[in-house]
Amino acid sequence: MRILFLAVLRPHTGNAVTAARIRDHLEAVGHTCILKDTLGFESSSAVTSLIVTEKCEAALALHLYKGGRFLQGQKIPFGIIFGGTDINEDINHEEKSQVMGTVLEEARFAVAFTESMKEMALTKWSHAKGKIYVQNQGVSTIPNVIFNWNTFLQSTDFPLRRLQIRTHTRWSKEINQGADNLHIFLLICGLRRVKDPLYLVDAFSEWHQEEPNVYMVILGPEVDPVFTNEVKARVKRAAGVQLMGEMPSEDLHAVVKNCFAVVNSSISEGMSAAVLEAMDLEVPVLARNIPGNAAIVKHEETGLLFSNPQEFVQLAKRLVNDPALEKKIVTQGKEYVKLCHSWKSERDTYQNLMRKLQ
């Protein structure tokens, strides 16, 4: 089949990574997948024209509102993949909720990343019972083997001349015979309000002033220009916090593998790819205690959950000083991803669901 796939495709974001992975699943069995950015469309008529021009026989959309609204009323069968903000945020907006309900009614199937996401959707749209399937996100990490961690660190403002770098698993080479241990906490997100990258900045900066060997790096694309300026201004004044731009996924995976821990401070999440990738790379995870994170992070088992900035600092200090806890959550996190986020299982699910569009 020729399948039109609509998703928000900002480079180096979780949505873009997920969409590309699902496209690969479909093309592996012979489908032709035309992946298009929903931000490039202003109306459903433009999508209708594309369907005709590309001779599309079916369609798929990632995000019930942002993608699904363009498929409403189209003359080809389609399926939906819930994104996160559609079920966690847009569902509370009356006009968007009405549109999403209609889209879901027309869809042949819908995919939720978690059981809780499915239950939230069914509570709002009971007519969708029987057509929502749960499929955890698959995980695949490929760190760049020639990535130079020390070169990366030298691109930051960290005072490397007096520091020795400690990662989650090992000591790296000493830099100028430094004596301190540098612990880097990595917060990966596109700069937009729902990701709340400033949530921990003040508390972390205070901790850094007490313990100058801890640093937080906020890393990701500038999605919301106005909010990005707010983030830059706050980070500029915050000791121990560094802001860095987006990078290719292989380089990002290499950075994750070398940092001490990965942090998620989002207000809402569907299923954080960054958290799952950290687990796969055997790096500790500290995540804000919200439904999307709690669905994949079991406190003190596969990671650590915090409910406020002060609790984050307490847990981060504990992680730094408790190697046994670190080893436990890294081992169990890796095992959890292996068992529950199989790339092959995800591939089988989407390949089978495409039969409902034939």
Protein backbone atom coordinates (compact mmCIF):
# COMPACT_ATOMS: atom_id res chain seq x y z
CA MET A 1 0.00 0.00 0.00
CA ARG A 2 0.91 3.63 -0.43
CA ILE A 3 0.46 5.10 3.04
CA LEU A 4 0.43 8.79 3.95
CA PHE A 5 1.96 9.27 7.40
CA LEU A 6 1.39 12.62 9.13
CA ALA A 7 3.45 13.69 12.15
CA VAL A 8 5.17 16.72 13.63
CA LEU A 9 8.69 16.28 12.30
CA ARG A 10 10.83 18.87 14.06
CA PRO A 11 14.37 17.47 13.73
CA HIS A 12 15.87 15.59 16.69
CA THR A 13 12.59 15.42 18.66
CA GLY A 14 10.89 12.34 20.09
CA ASN A 15 8.01 12.59 17.61
CA ALA A 16 10.37 12.68 14.64
CA VAL A 17 12.34 9.69 15.94
CA THR A 18 9.15 7.70 16.60
CA ALA A 19 7.69 8.53 13.17
CA ALA A 20 10.88 7.52 11.37
CA ARG A 21 11.05 4.23 13.26
CA ILE A 22 7.41 3.36 12.46
CA ARG A 23 7.93 4.31 8.81
CA ASP A 24 10.83 1.84 8.69
CA HIS A 25 8.58 -0.87 10.16
CA LEU A 26 6.00 -0.34 7.40
CA GLU A 27 8.48 -0.13 4.55
CA ALA A 28 10.18 -3.34 5.73
CA VAL A 29 7.16 -5.31 4.50
CA GLY A 30 6.83 -3.51 1.19
CA HIS A 31 4.54 -0.58 1.95
CA THR A 32 5.44 2.83 0.55
CA CYS A 33 5.28 5.35 3.38
CA ILE A 34 5.02 9.05 2.48
CA LEU A 35 6.04 10.79 5.71
CA LYS A 36 4.92 14.45 5.88
CA ASP A 37 5.19 17.16 8.53
CA THR A 38 1.78 18.34 9.76
CA LEU A 39 3.27 21.80 10.30
CA GLY A 40 3.43 22.10 6.51
CA PHE A 41 -0.36 21.98 6.13
CA GLU A 42 -2.88 24.71 6.80
CA SER A 43 -6.04 22.84 5.81
CA SER A 44 -7.48 19.40 5.14
CA SER A 45 -7.91 20.32 1.47
CA ALA A 46 -4.13 20.47 1.09
CA VAL A 47 -3.93 16.94 2.49
CA THR A 48 -6.72 15.83 0.15
CA SER A 49 -4.70 17.12 -2.80
CA LEU A 50 -1.61 15.30 -1.55
CA ILE A 51 -3.56 12.05 -1.21
CA VAL A 52 -4.68 12.34 -4.82
CA THR A 53 -1.27 13.37 -6.16
CA GLU A 54 0.60 10.64 -4.30
CA LYS A 55 -2.12 8.04 -5.00
CA CYS A 56 -2.31 7.18 -1.28
CA GLU A 57 -4.47 4.20 -0.39
CA ALA A 58 -4.41 4.63 3.40
CA ALA A 59 -3.10 7.01 6.04
CA LEU A 60 -1.62 7.11 9.52
CA ALA A 61 -1.24 10.05 11.90
CA LEU A 62 0.86 10.53 15.00
CA HIS A 63 -1.13 12.73 17.44
CA LEU A 64 -4.89 12.58 17.49
CA TYR A 65 -5.34 16.33 17.03
CA LYS A 66 -2.25 17.68 15.25
CA GLY A 67 -2.25 14.90 12.68
CA GLY A 68 -5.68 13.34 12.96
CA ARG A 69 -7.69 16.47 12.20
CA PHE A 70 -6.27 16.52 8.66
CA LEU A 71 -7.54 12.98 8.05
CA GLN A 72 -11.08 13.65 9.24
CA GLY A 73 -13.48 13.20 6.31
CA GLN A 74 -10.84 11.88 3.90
CA LYS A 75 -11.92 9.10 1.55
CA ILE A 76 -9.19 6.64 2.53
CA PRO A 77 -9.01 4.44 5.65
CA PHE A 78 -6.67 5.61 8.39
CA GLY A 79 -5.25 4.79 11.79
CA ILE A 80 -4.12 7.00 14.66
CA ILE A 81 -1.21 6.88 17.10
CA PHE A 82 -1.72 8.89 20.28
CA GLY A 83 1.13 11.29 20.93
CA GLY A 84 0.95 12.48 24.51
CA THR A 85 -0.23 16.08 24.60
CA ASP A 86 -3.37 15.03 22.70
CA ILE A 87 -4.51 12.80 25.57
CA ASN A 88 -2.84 14.69 28.44
CA GLU A 89 -3.57 18.28 27.37
CA ASP A 90 -5.78 18.75 24.29
CA ILE A 91 -8.46 16.44 25.67
CA ASN A 92 -9.35 19.22 28.15
CA HIS A 93 -9.87 21.78 25.37
CA GLU A 94 -13.53 21.54 24.32
CA GLU A 95 -13.11 22.36 20.62
CA LYS A 96 -10.05 20.15 20.16
CA SER A 97 -11.70 17.35 22.12
CA GLN A 98 -14.72 17.36 19.82
CA VAL A 99 -12.51 17.16 16.75
CA MET A 100 -10.46 14.32 18.27
CA GLY A 101 -13.61 12.39 19.16
CA THR A 102 -14.81 12.56 15.56
CA VAL A 103 -11.39 11.55 14.23
CA LEU A 104 -11.28 8.60 16.58
CA GLU A 105 -14.76 7.54 15.48
CA GLU A 106 -13.64 7.49 11.82
CA ALA A 107 -10.29 5.78 12.47
CA ARG A 108 -9.99 2.04 11.86
CA PHE A 109 -7.68 1.73 14.88
CA ALA A 110 -5.74 3.78 17.42
CA VAL A 111 -2.50 3.01 19.25
CA ALA A 112 -1.76 4.11 22.82
CA PHE A 113 1.73 3.81 24.30
CA THR A 114 0.39 2.88 27.75
CA GLU A 115 -2.67 1.31 29.39
CA SER A 116 -3.31 4.54 31.31
CA MET A 117 -3.36 6.51 28.05
CA LYS A 118 -5.87 4.04 26.63
CA GLU A 119 -8.07 4.32 29.73
CA MET A 120 -8.03 8.13 29.59
CA ALA A 121 -9.14 8.02 25.97
CA LEU A 122 -11.92 5.51 26.66
CA THR A 123 -13.19 7.56 29.60
CA LYS A 124 -13.67 10.48 27.20
CA TRP A 125 -14.70 8.55 24.08
CA SER A 126 -16.37 5.29 25.07
CA HIS A 127 -17.33 4.66 21.42
CA ALA A 128 -13.67 3.81 20.75
CA LYS A 129 -13.85 0.64 22.83
CA GLY A 130 -12.40 -2.24 20.85
CA LYS A 131 -10.30 -0.16 18.49
CA ILE A 132 -7.54 1.14 20.82
CA TYR A 133 -4.45 -1.08 21.04
CA VAL A 134 -1.60 -0.67 23.51
CA GLN A 135 1.91 -0.87 22.10
CA ASN A 136 4.88 0.38 24.09
CA GLN A 137 7.42 2.37 22.13
CA GLY A 138 10.26 0.29 20.76
CA VAL A 139 13.81 1.32 21.62
CA SER A 140 16.89 1.27 19.47
CA THR A 141 20.11 3.10 20.39
CA ILE A 142 23.23 3.43 18.27
CA PRO A 143 25.87 5.63 19.95
CA ASN A 144 28.46 7.20 17.67
CA VAL A 145 31.58 5.11 18.37
CA ILE A 146 33.96 7.89 17.34
CA PHE A 147 32.25 10.58 19.42
CA ASN A 148 34.80 12.38 21.60
CA TRP A 149 33.38 13.00 25.08
CA ASN A 150 36.23 15.25 26.17
CA THR A 151 35.82 17.42 23.07
CA PHE A 152 32.14 17.71 23.87
CA LEU A 153 32.91 18.80 27.42
CA GLN A 154 35.37 21.38 26.19
CA SER A 155 32.53 22.96 24.19
CA THR A 156 30.75 23.68 27.48
CA ASP A 157 31.57 26.31 30.08
CA PHE A 158 32.60 23.73 32.66
CA PRO A 159 35.92 24.50 34.39
CA LEU A 160 37.58 21.37 33.05
CA ARG A 161 41.12 22.31 33.99
CA ARG A 162 40.53 21.28 37.56
CA LEU A 163 38.02 18.49 37.06
CA GLN A 164 38.04 14.75 36.63
CA ILE A 165 35.01 13.32 34.82
CA ARG A 166 32.93 10.58 36.40
CA THR A 167 30.28 8.91 34.26
CA HIS A 168 27.64 6.42 35.39
CA THR A 169 29.96 3.44 34.97
CA ARG A 170 33.57 4.46 34.92
CA TRP A 171 36.29 7.07 35.38
CA SER A 172 37.43 8.77 32.19
CA LYS A 173 40.87 10.17 31.63
CA GLU A 174 41.91 12.88 34.03
CA ILE A 175 42.00 16.37 32.59
CA ASN A 176 45.10 18.18 33.80
CA GLN A 177 45.29 15.89 36.82
CA GLY A 178 42.10 17.30 38.38
CA ALA A 179 40.98 15.91 41.72
CA ASP A 180 37.22 16.51 41.82
CA ASN A 181 34.45 14.35 40.39
CA LEU A 182 32.22 15.93 37.76
CA HIS A 183 28.66 14.59 37.65
CA ILE A 184 26.68 15.66 34.60
CA PHE A 185 22.89 15.39 34.68
CA LEU A 186 21.42 15.56 31.17
CA LEU A 187 17.92 16.94 30.50
CA ILE A 188 16.94 16.18 26.89
CA CYS A 189 13.96 18.05 25.47
CA GLY A 190 12.73 20.44 22.83
CA LEU A 191 12.44 23.90 24.33
CA ARG A 192 8.69 24.25 24.84
CA ARG A 193 6.61 24.86 27.94
CA VAL A 194 5.15 21.36 28.27
CA LYS A 195 8.70 20.01 28.72
CA ASP A 196 9.28 22.48 31.59
CA PRO A 197 13.09 22.59 31.34
CA LEU A 198 13.26 25.42 33.89
CA TYR A 199 11.51 23.39 36.60
CA LEU A 200 14.75 22.26 38.25
CA VAL A 201 17.07 25.13 37.33
CA ASP A 202 16.94 27.11 40.58
CA ALA A 203 17.18 24.06 42.85
CA PHE A 204 19.98 22.56 40.80
CA SER A 205 21.90 25.83 40.77
CA GLU A 206 21.69 26.02 44.56
CA TRP A 207 23.00 22.45 44.80
CA HIS A 208 25.84 23.29 42.42
CA GLN A 209 26.89 26.18 44.65
CA GLU A 210 27.11 23.73 47.56
CA GLU A 211 28.79 21.04 45.46
CA PRO A 212 30.60 22.59 42.44
CA ASN A 213 31.18 19.19 40.84
CA VAL A 214 27.52 18.72 39.78
CA TYR A 215 26.22 20.19 36.53
CA MET A 216 23.03 20.04 34.50
CA VAL A 217 23.00 20.24 30.71
CA ILE A 218 19.70 21.06 28.97
CA LEU A 219 20.04 19.72 25.45
CA GLY A 220 17.58 19.94 22.57
CA PRO A 221 16.11 21.94 19.69
CA GLU A 222 14.65 25.43 19.98
CA VAL A 223 10.98 24.63 19.34
CA ASP A 224 9.17 27.66 20.80
CA PRO A 225 11.16 30.86 19.99
CA VAL A 226 9.59 32.99 22.73
CA PHE A 227 10.02 30.33 25.40
CA THR A 228 13.55 29.61 24.16
CA ASN A 229 14.50 33.20 24.96
CA GLU A 230 13.11 32.76 28.48
CA VAL A 231 15.15 29.60 28.93
CA LYS A 232 18.34 31.24 27.67
CA ALA A 233 17.90 34.20 30.02
CA ARG A 234 17.30 32.00 33.08
CA VAL A 235 20.13 29.57 32.30
CA LYS A 236 22.55 32.43 31.74
CA ARG A 237 22.02 33.51 35.37
CA ALA A 238 22.06 29.96 36.80
CA ALA A 239 25.40 28.65 38.02
CA GLY A 240 26.03 25.02 37.12
CA VAL A 241 23.43 24.86 34.34
CA GLN A 242 24.36 24.77 30.65
CA LEU A 243 22.15 25.00 27.55
CA MET A 244 23.16 23.20 24.35
CA GLY A 245 21.48 22.81 20.97
CA GLU A 246 20.22 19.75 19.14
CA MET A 247 22.50 17.10 17.70
CA PRO A 248 22.19 13.95 15.56
CA SER A 249 20.75 10.95 17.40
CA GLU A 250 23.97 8.92 17.25
CA ASP A 251 25.91 11.75 18.90
CA LEU A 252 23.13 12.26 21.42
CA HIS A 253 23.23 8.57 22.36
CA ALA A 254 26.99 8.89 22.87
CA VAL A 255 26.47 11.89 25.17
CA VAL A 256 23.82 9.97 27.13
CA LYS A 257 26.13 6.99 27.51
CA ASN A 258 28.84 9.21 28.98
CA CYS A 259 26.76 11.39 31.32
CA PHE A 260 26.03 10.47 34.93
CA ALA A 261 22.22 10.50 34.71
CA VAL A 262 19.33 11.53 32.44
CA VAL A 263 16.58 13.79 33.78
CA ASN A 264 12.97 14.33 32.66
CA SER A 265 11.02 17.26 34.13
CA SER A 266 8.05 17.41 31.74
CA ILE A 267 4.58 18.53 32.81
CA SER A 268 3.14 15.74 30.67
CA GLU A 269 4.52 12.92 28.52
CA GLY A 270 3.14 10.23 26.28
CA MET A 271 6.18 8.01 26.61
CA SER A 272 9.60 9.65 26.81
CA ALA A 273 12.01 8.29 24.21
CA ALA A 274 14.91 9.95 26.06
CA VAL A 275 14.09 8.07 29.27
CA LEU A 276 13.81 4.73 27.47
CA GLU A 277 17.01 5.31 25.52
CA ALA A 278 18.86 6.14 28.73
CA MET A 279 17.69 2.85 30.25
CA ASP A 280 18.80 1.00 27.14
CA LEU A 281 22.22 2.66 27.38
CA GLU A 282 22.44 1.68 31.07
CA VAL A 283 22.30 5.22 32.45
CA PRO A 284 20.31 6.12 35.59
CA VAL A 285 17.06 8.04 35.11
CA LEU A 286 15.45 10.65 37.37
CA ALA A 287 11.97 11.57 36.14
CA ARG A 288 9.16 13.85 37.29
CA ASN A 289 6.33 11.84 38.80
CA ILE A 290 3.65 12.22 36.11
CA PRO A 291 1.54 9.41 34.59
CA GLY A 292 3.57 9.09 31.38
CA ASN A 293 6.83 8.75 33.32
CA ALA A 294 5.42 6.60 36.12
CA ALA A 295 4.23 4.12 33.48
CA ILE A 296 7.83 3.28 32.59
CA VAL A 297 9.87 4.33 35.65
CA LYS A 298 9.29 2.26 38.79
CA HIS A 299 10.70 4.17 41.74
CA GLU A 300 13.95 2.71 43.06
CA GLU A 301 13.65 -0.16 40.57
CA THR A 302 14.11 1.16 37.03
CA GLY A 303 14.76 4.77 38.00
CA LEU A 304 13.88 7.49 40.50
CA LEU A 305 10.69 9.58 40.53
CA PHE A 306 10.49 13.06 42.05
CA SER A 307 7.47 15.28 42.75
CA ASN A 308 9.20 18.63 43.29
CA PRO A 309 12.64 20.22 42.75
CA GLN A 310 13.71 19.68 46.35
CA GLU A 311 12.96 15.97 46.14
CA PHE A 312 14.90 15.82 42.89
CA VAL A 313 17.99 17.21 44.61
CA GLN A 314 17.60 14.78 47.51
CA LEU A 315 17.34 11.81 45.15
CA ALA A 316 20.18 13.04 42.93
CA LYS A 317 22.45 13.37 45.98
CA ARG A 318 21.49 9.87 47.04
CA LEU A 319 22.27 8.51 43.59
CA VAL A 320 25.68 10.18 43.56
CA ASN A 321 26.57 8.69 46.93
CA ASP A 322 25.01 5.25 46.61
CA PRO A 323 26.74 3.11 43.94
CA ALA A 324 24.62 0.10 44.91
CA LEU A 325 21.39 1.97 44.11
CA GLU A 326 22.89 3.21 40.86
CA LYS A 327 23.86 -0.30 39.81
CA LYS A 328 20.44 -1.68 40.78
CA ILE A 329 18.35 0.78 38.75
CA VAL A 330 20.71 0.63 35.76
CA THR A 331 20.53 -3.17 35.66
CA GLN A 332 16.76 -3.33 36.12
CA GLY A 333 16.16 -0.45 33.70
CA LYS A 334 18.08 -2.25 30.98
CA GLU A 335 16.18 -5.47 31.63
CA TYR A 336 12.82 -3.63 31.59
CA VAL A 337 13.53 -2.07 28.19
CA LYS A 338 14.65 -5.42 26.82
CA LEU A 339 11.46 -7.14 28.00
CA CYS A 340 8.82 -4.45 27.44
CA HIS A 341 10.09 -2.18 24.68
CA SER A 342 11.20 -4.63 22.06
CA TRP A 343 11.83 -3.07 18.67
CA LYS A 344 10.69 -6.32 17.03
CA SER A 345 7.42 -6.44 18.97
CA GLU A 346 6.65 -2.88 17.92
CA ARG A 347 7.40 -3.77 14.30
CA ASP A 348 5.07 -6.78 14.40
CA THR A 349 2.22 -4.72 15.91
CA TYR A 350 2.29 -1.96 13.28
CA GLN A 351 2.72 -4.39 10.41
CA ASN A 352 -0.33 -6.32 11.62
CA LEU A 353 -2.44 -3.20 12.17
CA MET A 354 -1.88 -2.12 8.57
CA ARG A 355 -4.10 -5.02 7.53
CA LYS A 356 -7.04 -3.10 9.02
CA LEU A 357 -6.48 -0.40 6.41
CA GLN A 358 -6.68 -2.74 3.43
